[in-house]
Amino acid sequence: MPVLVCFRTRISEMHGEVILPEHAKTGTVRIGFGGVGIFDEKRSRTMWQVNGTVVFKGRAAIGHGSRISVNRGATLEFGDHFCITAESHIVSSKGIRFGDDVLMSWQCLVMDTDFHKIWSGGTRVNENKEIVIGNHVWIGCRNTILKGVHIGDGCVIGAGSNVVKSIDATNAVVGGNPAHVLKQDIRWSEK
């Protein structure tokens, strides 16, 4: 079984498609597992609601209490070595792509839609827009990344930031509300 799903995961809808790497091994994708000391992983429930397409390009870990929602016609793509630690939400109505080696901390929200439509003079003014997260990006805790955002390779998104516009820089620390480049020419590692 290339996909391991924790018994505390609620699969509310599975009418879409899940695409796995060609040579996936047991446990390539892990959903609902993990442990972050500040959360009660025994009571934390992961949710999976997929009516669109989810693509796993390699190893992925979706931590306990995280919620994945992919609507009909939308695509969610995870690069190799993707990790959500816990309690984060990803909502796709258009398209969200994560590059390789992306680490997302807890209580983050990544959303390519406003859910509700807004009209002005007969024209919709808030269309859904794709989100693209580059390779080797660290998304700190309690961040919000909204529709239309592209984040460059090697970036670190500081805790509690609201990313509402694209970050074209690479290897940069980004933070604030709205998020902007705070420092450039940085490197980061998990260990």
N, C-alpha and C. Protein backbone atom coordinates (compact mmCIF):
# COMPACT_ATOMS: atom_id res chain seq x y z
N MET A 1 0.83 -1.19 0.00
CA MET A 1 0.00 0.00 0.00
C MET A 1 0.88 1.25 0.00
N PRO A 2 0.89 2.00 -1.08
CA PRO A 2 1.70 3.22 -1.11
C PRO A 2 1.13 4.34 -0.27
N VAL A 3 -0.18 4.28 0.06
CA VAL A 3 -0.81 5.32 0.88
C VAL A 3 -1.23 4.72 2.21
N LEU A 4 -0.74 5.30 3.30
CA LEU A 4 -1.15 4.89 4.64
C LEU A 4 -2.04 5.99 5.20
N VAL A 5 -3.22 5.62 5.69
CA VAL A 5 -4.19 6.57 6.20
C VAL A 5 -4.47 6.24 7.66
N CYS A 6 -4.27 7.21 8.54
CA CYS A 6 -4.53 7.04 9.96
C CYS A 6 -6.02 6.79 10.20
N PHE A 7 -6.34 5.97 11.18
CA PHE A 7 -7.74 5.66 11.47
C PHE A 7 -8.53 6.88 11.94
N ARG A 8 -7.86 7.95 12.34
CA ARG A 8 -8.55 9.17 12.75
C ARG A 8 -8.82 10.12 11.58
N THR A 9 -8.65 9.63 10.38
CA THR A 9 -8.91 10.43 9.19
C THR A 9 -10.34 10.20 8.72
N ARG A 10 -11.04 11.29 8.43
CA ARG A 10 -12.40 11.19 7.90
C ARG A 10 -12.35 11.48 6.40
N ILE A 11 -12.72 10.49 5.61
CA ILE A 11 -12.80 10.67 4.17
C ILE A 11 -14.25 10.99 3.87
N SER A 12 -14.54 12.28 3.69
CA SER A 12 -15.93 12.69 3.49
C SER A 12 -16.37 12.56 2.04
N GLU A 13 -15.44 12.74 1.10
CA GLU A 13 -15.75 12.57 -0.32
C GLU A 13 -14.51 12.07 -1.03
N MET A 14 -14.71 11.17 -1.96
CA MET A 14 -13.61 10.65 -2.76
C MET A 14 -14.13 10.31 -4.15
N HIS A 15 -14.62 11.36 -4.84
CA HIS A 15 -15.15 11.18 -6.18
C HIS A 15 -14.14 11.62 -7.22
N GLY A 16 -13.00 12.12 -6.77
CA GLY A 16 -11.97 12.61 -7.68
C GLY A 16 -10.96 11.52 -7.99
N GLU A 17 -9.76 11.98 -8.30
CA GLU A 17 -8.69 11.08 -8.72
C GLU A 17 -7.44 11.37 -7.90
N VAL A 18 -6.73 10.32 -7.50
CA VAL A 18 -5.45 10.45 -6.82
C VAL A 18 -4.40 9.78 -7.70
N ILE A 19 -3.36 10.54 -8.04
CA ILE A 19 -2.30 10.02 -8.91
C ILE A 19 -1.03 9.90 -8.07
N LEU A 20 -0.46 8.69 -8.06
CA LEU A 20 0.74 8.40 -7.27
C LEU A 20 1.95 8.23 -8.20
N PRO A 21 3.17 8.38 -7.63
CA PRO A 21 4.37 8.14 -8.44
C PRO A 21 4.35 6.70 -8.98
N GLU A 22 4.95 6.51 -10.14
CA GLU A 22 4.93 5.21 -10.80
C GLU A 22 5.48 4.08 -9.92
N HIS A 23 6.56 4.32 -9.20
CA HIS A 23 7.19 3.28 -8.40
C HIS A 23 7.03 3.56 -6.91
N ALA A 24 5.84 3.95 -6.50
CA ALA A 24 5.59 4.26 -5.09
C ALA A 24 5.73 3.01 -4.23
N LYS A 25 6.37 3.19 -3.07
CA LYS A 25 6.56 2.08 -2.13
C LYS A 25 5.59 2.24 -0.96
N THR A 26 5.52 1.25 -0.12
CA THR A 26 4.67 1.31 1.06
C THR A 26 4.98 2.56 1.87
N GLY A 27 3.94 3.33 2.19
CA GLY A 27 4.12 4.53 3.01
C GLY A 27 4.67 5.73 2.29
N THR A 28 4.69 5.72 0.96
CA THR A 28 5.15 6.89 0.21
C THR A 28 4.33 8.11 0.61
N VAL A 29 3.02 7.92 0.77
CA VAL A 29 2.13 8.99 1.20
C VAL A 29 1.52 8.58 2.54
N ARG A 30 1.66 9.46 3.54
CA ARG A 30 1.12 9.20 4.88
C ARG A 30 0.14 10.32 5.22
N ILE A 31 -1.09 9.93 5.55
CA ILE A 31 -2.14 10.92 5.82
C ILE A 31 -2.65 10.74 7.25
N GLY A 32 -2.56 11.83 8.04
CA GLY A 32 -3.12 11.83 9.39
C GLY A 32 -2.18 11.40 10.49
N PHE A 33 -0.93 11.15 10.17
CA PHE A 33 0.04 10.73 11.18
C PHE A 33 0.91 11.91 11.59
N GLY A 34 1.75 11.70 12.56
CA GLY A 34 2.70 12.72 12.98
C GLY A 34 2.42 13.16 14.39
N GLY A 35 3.27 14.00 14.88
CA GLY A 35 3.09 14.49 16.23
C GLY A 35 3.74 15.83 16.44
N VAL A 36 2.95 16.78 16.84
CA VAL A 36 3.45 18.09 17.24
C VAL A 36 3.00 18.26 18.68
N GLY A 37 3.93 18.46 19.57
CA GLY A 37 3.65 18.45 21.00
C GLY A 37 2.54 19.36 21.50
N ILE A 38 2.23 20.42 20.76
CA ILE A 38 1.22 21.35 21.26
C ILE A 38 -0.21 20.96 20.88
N PHE A 39 -0.37 19.87 20.12
CA PHE A 39 -1.70 19.42 19.70
C PHE A 39 -2.00 18.04 20.26
N ASP A 40 -3.26 17.77 20.51
CA ASP A 40 -3.70 16.47 20.99
C ASP A 40 -3.97 15.59 19.78
N GLU A 41 -2.96 14.84 19.36
CA GLU A 41 -3.10 14.05 18.14
C GLU A 41 -4.13 12.94 18.27
N LYS A 42 -4.49 12.56 19.48
CA LYS A 42 -5.50 11.52 19.67
C LYS A 42 -6.91 12.04 19.38
N ARG A 43 -7.13 13.33 19.55
CA ARG A 43 -8.45 13.92 19.30
C ARG A 43 -8.49 14.74 18.01
N SER A 44 -7.35 14.97 17.44
CA SER A 44 -7.25 15.75 16.21
C SER A 44 -7.64 14.87 15.03
N ARG A 45 -8.53 15.36 14.19
CA ARG A 45 -9.07 14.56 13.11
C ARG A 45 -8.69 15.15 11.75
N THR A 46 -8.09 14.35 10.93
CA THR A 46 -7.74 14.75 9.57
C THR A 46 -8.98 14.57 8.68
N MET A 47 -9.14 15.49 7.72
CA MET A 47 -10.30 15.41 6.82
C MET A 47 -9.79 15.37 5.37
N TRP A 48 -10.43 14.57 4.56
CA TRP A 48 -10.08 14.41 3.15
C TRP A 48 -11.37 14.51 2.33
N GLN A 49 -11.50 15.56 1.52
CA GLN A 49 -12.67 15.77 0.68
C GLN A 49 -12.15 16.08 -0.72
N VAL A 50 -12.17 15.09 -1.60
CA VAL A 50 -11.58 15.26 -2.93
C VAL A 50 -12.59 14.90 -4.01
N ASN A 51 -12.94 15.90 -4.81
CA ASN A 51 -13.78 15.70 -5.99
C ASN A 51 -13.01 16.05 -7.26
N GLY A 52 -11.81 16.59 -7.10
CA GLY A 52 -10.95 16.95 -8.22
C GLY A 52 -9.81 15.95 -8.33
N THR A 53 -8.60 16.46 -8.62
CA THR A 53 -7.44 15.61 -8.82
C THR A 53 -6.34 15.97 -7.82
N VAL A 54 -5.77 14.96 -7.16
CA VAL A 54 -4.63 15.14 -6.28
C VAL A 54 -3.47 14.34 -6.87
N VAL A 55 -2.33 15.02 -7.07
CA VAL A 55 -1.15 14.39 -7.66
C VAL A 55 -0.04 14.39 -6.62
N PHE A 56 0.50 13.21 -6.35
CA PHE A 56 1.67 13.08 -5.48
C PHE A 56 2.86 12.74 -6.37
N LYS A 57 3.88 13.62 -6.39
CA LYS A 57 5.06 13.41 -7.23
C LYS A 57 6.14 12.58 -6.52
N GLY A 58 5.92 12.32 -5.23
CA GLY A 58 6.88 11.55 -4.45
C GLY A 58 6.37 11.42 -3.03
N ARG A 59 7.31 11.37 -2.07
CA ARG A 59 6.94 11.20 -0.66
C ARG A 59 6.17 12.42 -0.15
N ALA A 60 5.14 12.13 0.66
CA ALA A 60 4.35 13.21 1.24
C ALA A 60 3.82 12.76 2.59
N ALA A 61 3.79 13.71 3.53
CA ALA A 61 3.23 13.47 4.86
C ALA A 61 2.26 14.60 5.16
N ILE A 62 1.01 14.23 5.35
CA ILE A 62 -0.03 15.20 5.70
C ILE A 62 -0.38 14.94 7.15
N GLY A 63 0.09 15.82 8.04
CA GLY A 63 0.00 15.61 9.48
C GLY A 63 -1.41 15.60 10.03
N HIS A 64 -1.51 15.11 11.25
CA HIS A 64 -2.81 14.95 11.90
C HIS A 64 -3.55 16.28 12.00
N GLY A 65 -4.87 16.20 11.89
CA GLY A 65 -5.73 17.37 12.00
C GLY A 65 -5.75 18.26 10.78
N SER A 66 -5.02 17.90 9.73
CA SER A 66 -5.02 18.71 8.51
C SER A 66 -6.26 18.41 7.70
N ARG A 67 -6.64 19.36 6.89
CA ARG A 67 -7.83 19.22 6.07
C ARG A 67 -7.50 19.53 4.62
N ILE A 68 -7.86 18.59 3.75
CA ILE A 68 -7.60 18.73 2.32
C ILE A 68 -8.96 18.75 1.62
N SER A 69 -9.21 19.80 0.84
CA SER A 69 -10.46 19.92 0.09
C SER A 69 -10.12 20.32 -1.35
N VAL A 70 -10.48 19.46 -2.30
CA VAL A 70 -10.22 19.72 -3.71
C VAL A 70 -11.55 19.58 -4.44
N ASN A 71 -12.02 20.68 -4.97
CA ASN A 71 -13.32 20.70 -5.64
C ASN A 71 -13.25 20.17 -7.07
N ARG A 72 -14.39 19.83 -7.62
CA ARG A 72 -14.49 19.29 -8.99
C ARG A 72 -13.80 20.24 -9.96
N GLY A 73 -12.94 19.68 -10.82
CA GLY A 73 -12.24 20.47 -11.83
C GLY A 73 -10.94 21.09 -11.34
N ALA A 74 -10.66 20.99 -10.03
CA ALA A 74 -9.44 21.56 -9.45
C ALA A 74 -8.35 20.50 -9.34
N THR A 75 -7.10 20.97 -9.24
CA THR A 75 -5.96 20.08 -9.09
C THR A 75 -5.10 20.55 -7.92
N LEU A 76 -4.69 19.60 -7.10
CA LEU A 76 -3.75 19.84 -6.01
C LEU A 76 -2.55 18.94 -6.25
N GLU A 77 -1.36 19.54 -6.35
CA GLU A 77 -0.15 18.77 -6.67
C GLU A 77 0.89 18.95 -5.58
N PHE A 78 1.41 17.83 -5.08
CA PHE A 78 2.46 17.83 -4.07
C PHE A 78 3.75 17.33 -4.69
N GLY A 79 4.83 18.11 -4.58
CA GLY A 79 6.14 17.66 -5.03
C GLY A 79 6.71 16.62 -4.08
N ASP A 80 7.88 16.09 -4.41
CA ASP A 80 8.53 15.08 -3.57
C ASP A 80 9.00 15.71 -2.26
N HIS A 81 8.87 14.96 -1.20
CA HIS A 81 9.30 15.36 0.15
C HIS A 81 8.49 16.56 0.64
N PHE A 82 7.16 16.45 0.53
CA PHE A 82 6.24 17.45 1.03
C PHE A 82 5.81 17.05 2.43
N CYS A 83 5.68 18.05 3.33
CA CYS A 83 5.28 17.74 4.69
C CYS A 83 4.43 18.86 5.29
N ILE A 84 3.28 18.48 5.85
CA ILE A 84 2.51 19.36 6.73
C ILE A 84 2.69 18.77 8.12
N THR A 85 3.10 19.57 9.09
CA THR A 85 3.29 19.02 10.43
C THR A 85 1.95 18.68 11.07
N ALA A 86 0.99 19.62 11.11
CA ALA A 86 -0.32 19.34 11.72
C ALA A 86 -1.27 20.49 11.52
N GLU A 87 -2.57 20.19 11.60
CA GLU A 87 -3.64 21.18 11.74
C GLU A 87 -3.65 22.28 10.68
N SER A 88 -3.25 21.99 9.45
CA SER A 88 -3.29 22.99 8.38
C SER A 88 -4.38 22.65 7.38
N HIS A 89 -4.81 23.65 6.59
CA HIS A 89 -5.90 23.47 5.65
C HIS A 89 -5.45 23.87 4.25
N ILE A 90 -5.80 23.05 3.28
CA ILE A 90 -5.57 23.36 1.87
C ILE A 90 -6.90 23.23 1.15
N VAL A 91 -7.33 24.31 0.50
CA VAL A 91 -8.61 24.33 -0.21
C VAL A 91 -8.35 24.75 -1.65
N SER A 92 -8.69 23.86 -2.59
CA SER A 92 -8.45 24.16 -4.00
C SER A 92 -9.73 24.07 -4.81
N SER A 93 -10.03 25.16 -5.51
CA SER A 93 -11.13 25.19 -6.47
C SER A 93 -10.62 25.42 -7.89
N LYS A 94 -9.31 25.68 -8.03
CA LYS A 94 -8.69 25.92 -9.33
C LYS A 94 -7.44 25.05 -9.46
N GLY A 95 -6.38 25.44 -8.75
CA GLY A 95 -5.13 24.68 -8.79
C GLY A 95 -4.14 25.18 -7.77
N ILE A 96 -3.52 24.26 -7.04
CA ILE A 96 -2.46 24.58 -6.09
C ILE A 96 -1.33 23.59 -6.34
N ARG A 97 -0.10 24.14 -6.54
CA ARG A 97 1.07 23.29 -6.78
C ARG A 97 2.15 23.59 -5.76
N PHE A 98 2.61 22.57 -5.09
CA PHE A 98 3.74 22.66 -4.18
C PHE A 98 4.93 22.00 -4.86
N GLY A 99 6.10 22.67 -4.82
CA GLY A 99 7.31 22.09 -5.39
C GLY A 99 7.86 20.99 -4.49
N ASP A 100 9.08 20.57 -4.79
CA ASP A 100 9.77 19.55 -3.99
C ASP A 100 10.30 20.18 -2.71
N ASP A 101 10.39 19.36 -1.66
CA ASP A 101 11.03 19.75 -0.40
C ASP A 101 10.34 20.95 0.25
N VAL A 102 9.01 20.88 0.35
CA VAL A 102 8.23 21.95 0.98
C VAL A 102 7.82 21.50 2.37
N LEU A 103 8.05 22.35 3.35
CA LEU A 103 7.67 22.09 4.74
C LEU A 103 6.64 23.13 5.15
N MET A 104 5.44 22.66 5.54
CA MET A 104 4.39 23.56 6.00
C MET A 104 4.14 23.27 7.47
N SER A 105 4.21 24.30 8.27
CA SER A 105 4.02 24.17 9.70
C SER A 105 2.54 24.07 10.04
N TRP A 106 2.21 24.19 11.31
CA TRP A 106 0.83 24.00 11.77
C TRP A 106 -0.03 25.25 11.61
N GLN A 107 -1.33 25.00 11.54
CA GLN A 107 -2.37 26.02 11.48
C GLN A 107 -2.20 27.02 10.33
N CYS A 108 -1.81 26.51 9.18
CA CYS A 108 -1.71 27.33 7.97
C CYS A 108 -2.98 27.13 7.13
N LEU A 109 -3.27 28.12 6.29
CA LEU A 109 -4.38 28.05 5.36
C LEU A 109 -3.86 28.44 3.98
N VAL A 110 -4.03 27.54 3.01
CA VAL A 110 -3.68 27.81 1.61
C VAL A 110 -4.97 27.63 0.82
N MET A 111 -5.41 28.71 0.14
CA MET A 111 -6.73 28.70 -0.47
C MET A 111 -6.73 29.50 -1.77
N ASP A 112 -7.12 28.86 -2.88
CA ASP A 112 -7.12 29.52 -4.18
C ASP A 112 -8.50 30.06 -4.59
N THR A 113 -9.39 30.21 -3.63
CA THR A 113 -10.75 30.65 -3.89
C THR A 113 -11.23 31.56 -2.77
N ASP A 114 -12.24 32.37 -3.08
CA ASP A 114 -12.91 33.17 -2.05
C ASP A 114 -14.20 32.49 -1.59
N PHE A 115 -14.52 31.34 -2.18
CA PHE A 115 -15.75 30.58 -1.92
C PHE A 115 -16.99 31.26 -2.50
N HIS A 116 -17.21 32.51 -2.19
CA HIS A 116 -18.41 33.21 -2.64
C HIS A 116 -18.06 34.15 -3.79
N LYS A 117 -18.98 34.27 -4.74
CA LYS A 117 -18.74 35.10 -5.92
C LYS A 117 -19.13 36.55 -5.64
N ILE A 118 -18.31 37.47 -6.16
CA ILE A 118 -18.59 38.90 -6.06
C ILE A 118 -18.71 39.45 -7.47
N TRP A 119 -19.79 40.20 -7.71
CA TRP A 119 -20.08 40.75 -9.03
C TRP A 119 -20.05 42.27 -8.98
N SER A 120 -19.60 42.89 -10.06
CA SER A 120 -19.65 44.34 -10.20
C SER A 120 -20.06 44.64 -11.63
N GLY A 121 -21.20 45.28 -11.79
CA GLY A 121 -21.68 45.62 -13.13
C GLY A 121 -21.86 44.42 -14.02
N GLY A 122 -22.27 43.30 -13.47
CA GLY A 122 -22.50 42.09 -14.25
C GLY A 122 -21.27 41.26 -14.51
N THR A 123 -20.10 41.67 -14.00
CA THR A 123 -18.85 40.94 -14.20
C THR A 123 -18.34 40.42 -12.86
N ARG A 124 -17.95 39.15 -12.84
CA ARG A 124 -17.38 38.60 -11.62
C ARG A 124 -15.99 39.19 -11.41
N VAL A 125 -15.72 39.67 -10.21
CA VAL A 125 -14.45 40.35 -9.93
C VAL A 125 -13.51 39.53 -9.05
N ASN A 126 -13.92 38.34 -8.66
CA ASN A 126 -13.05 37.55 -7.77
C ASN A 126 -12.92 36.10 -8.25
N GLU A 127 -12.44 35.93 -9.46
CA GLU A 127 -12.23 34.59 -10.02
C GLU A 127 -11.21 33.82 -9.18
N ASN A 128 -11.35 32.49 -9.18
CA ASN A 128 -10.35 31.64 -8.53
C ASN A 128 -9.04 31.76 -9.30
N LYS A 129 -7.90 31.72 -8.57
CA LYS A 129 -6.59 31.84 -9.22
C LYS A 129 -5.62 30.84 -8.63
N GLU A 130 -4.81 30.24 -9.50
CA GLU A 130 -3.86 29.21 -9.11
C GLU A 130 -2.80 29.73 -8.13
N ILE A 131 -2.37 28.86 -7.23
CA ILE A 131 -1.27 29.13 -6.30
C ILE A 131 -0.11 28.21 -6.67
N VAL A 132 1.12 28.75 -6.71
CA VAL A 132 2.31 27.96 -7.00
C VAL A 132 3.35 28.25 -5.93
N ILE A 133 3.73 27.21 -5.20
CA ILE A 133 4.79 27.30 -4.18
C ILE A 133 6.02 26.62 -4.76
N GLY A 134 7.15 27.32 -4.77
CA GLY A 134 8.38 26.78 -5.36
C GLY A 134 8.98 25.63 -4.59
N ASN A 135 10.19 25.25 -4.99
CA ASN A 135 10.94 24.17 -4.33
C ASN A 135 11.63 24.69 -3.06
N HIS A 136 11.77 23.82 -2.09
CA HIS A 136 12.50 24.09 -0.85
C HIS A 136 11.98 25.36 -0.17
N VAL A 137 10.67 25.36 0.08
CA VAL A 137 10.01 26.49 0.74
C VAL A 137 9.54 26.03 2.12
N TRP A 138 9.80 26.84 3.13
CA TRP A 138 9.36 26.58 4.50
C TRP A 138 8.27 27.60 4.81
N ILE A 139 7.08 27.09 5.08
CA ILE A 139 5.93 27.93 5.42
C ILE A 139 5.74 27.81 6.92
N GLY A 140 6.06 28.88 7.66
CA GLY A 140 5.97 28.87 9.12
C GLY A 140 4.54 28.75 9.61
N CYS A 141 4.39 28.62 10.92
CA CYS A 141 3.06 28.39 11.50
C CYS A 141 2.13 29.60 11.33
N ARG A 142 0.85 29.28 11.28
CA ARG A 142 -0.25 30.25 11.24
C ARG A 142 -0.15 31.25 10.08
N ASN A 143 0.25 30.76 8.93
CA ASN A 143 0.30 31.60 7.73
C ASN A 143 -0.95 31.41 6.89
N THR A 144 -1.29 32.45 6.15
CA THR A 144 -2.37 32.39 5.19
C THR A 144 -1.80 32.72 3.82
N ILE A 145 -2.04 31.84 2.84
CA ILE A 145 -1.59 32.07 1.47
C ILE A 145 -2.84 32.02 0.60
N LEU A 146 -3.11 33.14 -0.08
CA LEU A 146 -4.36 33.27 -0.82
C LEU A 146 -4.16 33.17 -2.33
N LYS A 147 -5.25 33.13 -3.04
CA LYS A 147 -5.29 32.88 -4.48
C LYS A 147 -4.37 33.79 -5.28
N GLY A 148 -3.83 33.22 -6.36
CA GLY A 148 -2.99 33.98 -7.28
C GLY A 148 -1.55 34.15 -6.85
N VAL A 149 -1.19 33.63 -5.69
CA VAL A 149 0.16 33.82 -5.16
C VAL A 149 1.14 32.79 -5.76
N HIS A 150 2.33 33.28 -6.11
CA HIS A 150 3.45 32.43 -6.50
C HIS A 150 4.58 32.77 -5.54
N ILE A 151 5.22 31.74 -4.98
CA ILE A 151 6.33 31.94 -4.03
C ILE A 151 7.57 31.29 -4.62
N GLY A 152 8.67 32.06 -4.67
CA GLY A 152 9.92 31.59 -5.27
C GLY A 152 10.61 30.51 -4.47
N ASP A 153 11.53 29.80 -5.13
CA ASP A 153 12.31 28.72 -4.51
C ASP A 153 13.12 29.23 -3.32
N GLY A 154 13.27 28.37 -2.33
CA GLY A 154 14.16 28.64 -1.20
C GLY A 154 13.66 29.65 -0.19
N CYS A 155 12.42 30.08 -0.29
CA CYS A 155 11.90 31.10 0.62
C CYS A 155 11.46 30.51 1.96
N VAL A 156 11.48 31.36 2.97
CA VAL A 156 10.94 31.05 4.29
C VAL A 156 9.85 32.08 4.55
N ILE A 157 8.63 31.59 4.83
CA ILE A 157 7.51 32.48 5.13
C ILE A 157 7.38 32.53 6.65
N GLY A 158 7.66 33.70 7.23
CA GLY A 158 7.65 33.88 8.68
C GLY A 158 6.28 33.64 9.28
N ALA A 159 6.25 33.18 10.52
CA ALA A 159 5.01 32.85 11.22
C ALA A 159 4.03 34.01 11.21
N GLY A 160 2.75 33.68 11.07
CA GLY A 160 1.68 34.67 11.16
C GLY A 160 1.58 35.64 10.01
N SER A 161 2.12 35.29 8.87
CA SER A 161 2.09 36.20 7.71
C SER A 161 0.86 35.96 6.85
N ASN A 162 0.46 37.00 6.15
CA ASN A 162 -0.62 36.91 5.17
C ASN A 162 -0.03 37.18 3.79
N VAL A 163 0.07 36.12 2.99
CA VAL A 163 0.67 36.24 1.66
C VAL A 163 -0.47 36.41 0.66
N VAL A 164 -0.63 37.64 0.18
CA VAL A 164 -1.74 37.96 -0.73
C VAL A 164 -1.24 38.37 -2.11
N LYS A 165 0.09 38.55 -2.24
CA LYS A 165 0.70 38.89 -3.53
C LYS A 165 1.91 37.99 -3.73
N SER A 166 2.26 37.75 -4.99
CA SER A 166 3.37 36.87 -5.31
C SER A 166 4.69 37.39 -4.77
N ILE A 167 5.55 36.44 -4.42
CA ILE A 167 6.91 36.73 -3.96
C ILE A 167 7.85 36.23 -5.05
N ASP A 168 8.36 37.15 -5.85
CA ASP A 168 9.22 36.77 -6.97
C ASP A 168 10.64 36.44 -6.55
N ALA A 169 11.05 36.91 -5.38
CA ALA A 169 12.40 36.66 -4.89
C ALA A 169 12.61 35.17 -4.61
N THR A 170 13.86 34.74 -4.68
CA THR A 170 14.22 33.39 -4.25
C THR A 170 15.14 33.52 -3.05
N ASN A 171 15.20 32.45 -2.24
CA ASN A 171 16.08 32.43 -1.07
C ASN A 171 15.91 33.69 -0.22
N ALA A 172 14.66 33.94 0.16
CA ALA A 172 14.34 35.14 0.93
C ALA A 172 13.48 34.79 2.13
N VAL A 173 13.62 35.60 3.19
CA VAL A 173 12.70 35.53 4.32
C VAL A 173 11.58 36.52 4.01
N VAL A 174 10.35 36.03 4.13
CA VAL A 174 9.17 36.82 3.80
C VAL A 174 8.29 36.85 5.03
N GLY A 175 7.70 38.01 5.34
CA GLY A 175 6.81 38.06 6.48
C GLY A 175 5.99 39.33 6.49
N GLY A 176 5.01 39.37 7.40
CA GLY A 176 4.20 40.55 7.59
C GLY A 176 2.78 40.40 7.08
N ASN A 177 2.05 41.51 7.21
CA ASN A 177 0.66 41.56 6.78
C ASN A 177 0.41 42.90 6.09
N PRO A 178 0.47 42.95 4.76
CA PRO A 178 0.72 41.85 3.84
C PRO A 178 2.20 41.47 3.82
N ALA A 179 2.46 40.24 3.45
CA ALA A 179 3.83 39.72 3.44
C ALA A 179 4.68 40.43 2.39
N HIS A 180 5.94 40.65 2.74
CA HIS A 180 6.91 41.25 1.83
C HIS A 180 8.29 40.69 2.18
N VAL A 181 9.25 40.91 1.30
CA VAL A 181 10.60 40.38 1.51
C VAL A 181 11.27 41.15 2.64
N LEU A 182 11.76 40.40 3.64
CA LEU A 182 12.45 40.99 4.79
C LEU A 182 13.97 40.85 4.69
N LYS A 183 14.42 39.75 4.11
CA LYS A 183 15.87 39.50 3.98
C LYS A 183 16.09 38.60 2.78
N GLN A 184 17.16 38.85 2.04
CA GLN A 184 17.46 38.05 0.86
C GLN A 184 18.76 37.30 1.03
N ASP A 185 19.01 36.40 0.08
CA ASP A 185 20.23 35.59 0.04
C ASP A 185 20.38 34.74 1.30
N ILE A 186 19.30 34.02 1.66
CA ILE A 186 19.34 33.14 2.83
C ILE A 186 19.33 31.68 2.37
N ARG A 187 19.68 30.80 3.26
CA ARG A 187 19.55 29.35 3.07
C ARG A 187 18.92 28.80 4.33
N TRP A 188 18.15 27.72 4.20
CA TRP A 188 17.56 27.09 5.37
C TRP A 188 17.64 25.58 5.23
N SER A 189 17.60 24.91 6.39
CA SER A 189 17.58 23.44 6.37
C SER A 189 16.75 22.95 7.55
N GLU A 190 16.18 21.76 7.40
CA GLU A 190 15.35 21.18 8.46
C GLU A 190 16.16 20.75 9.67
N LYS A 191 17.41 20.47 9.48
CA LYS A 191 18.23 19.96 10.60
C LYS A 191 19.43 20.83 10.83
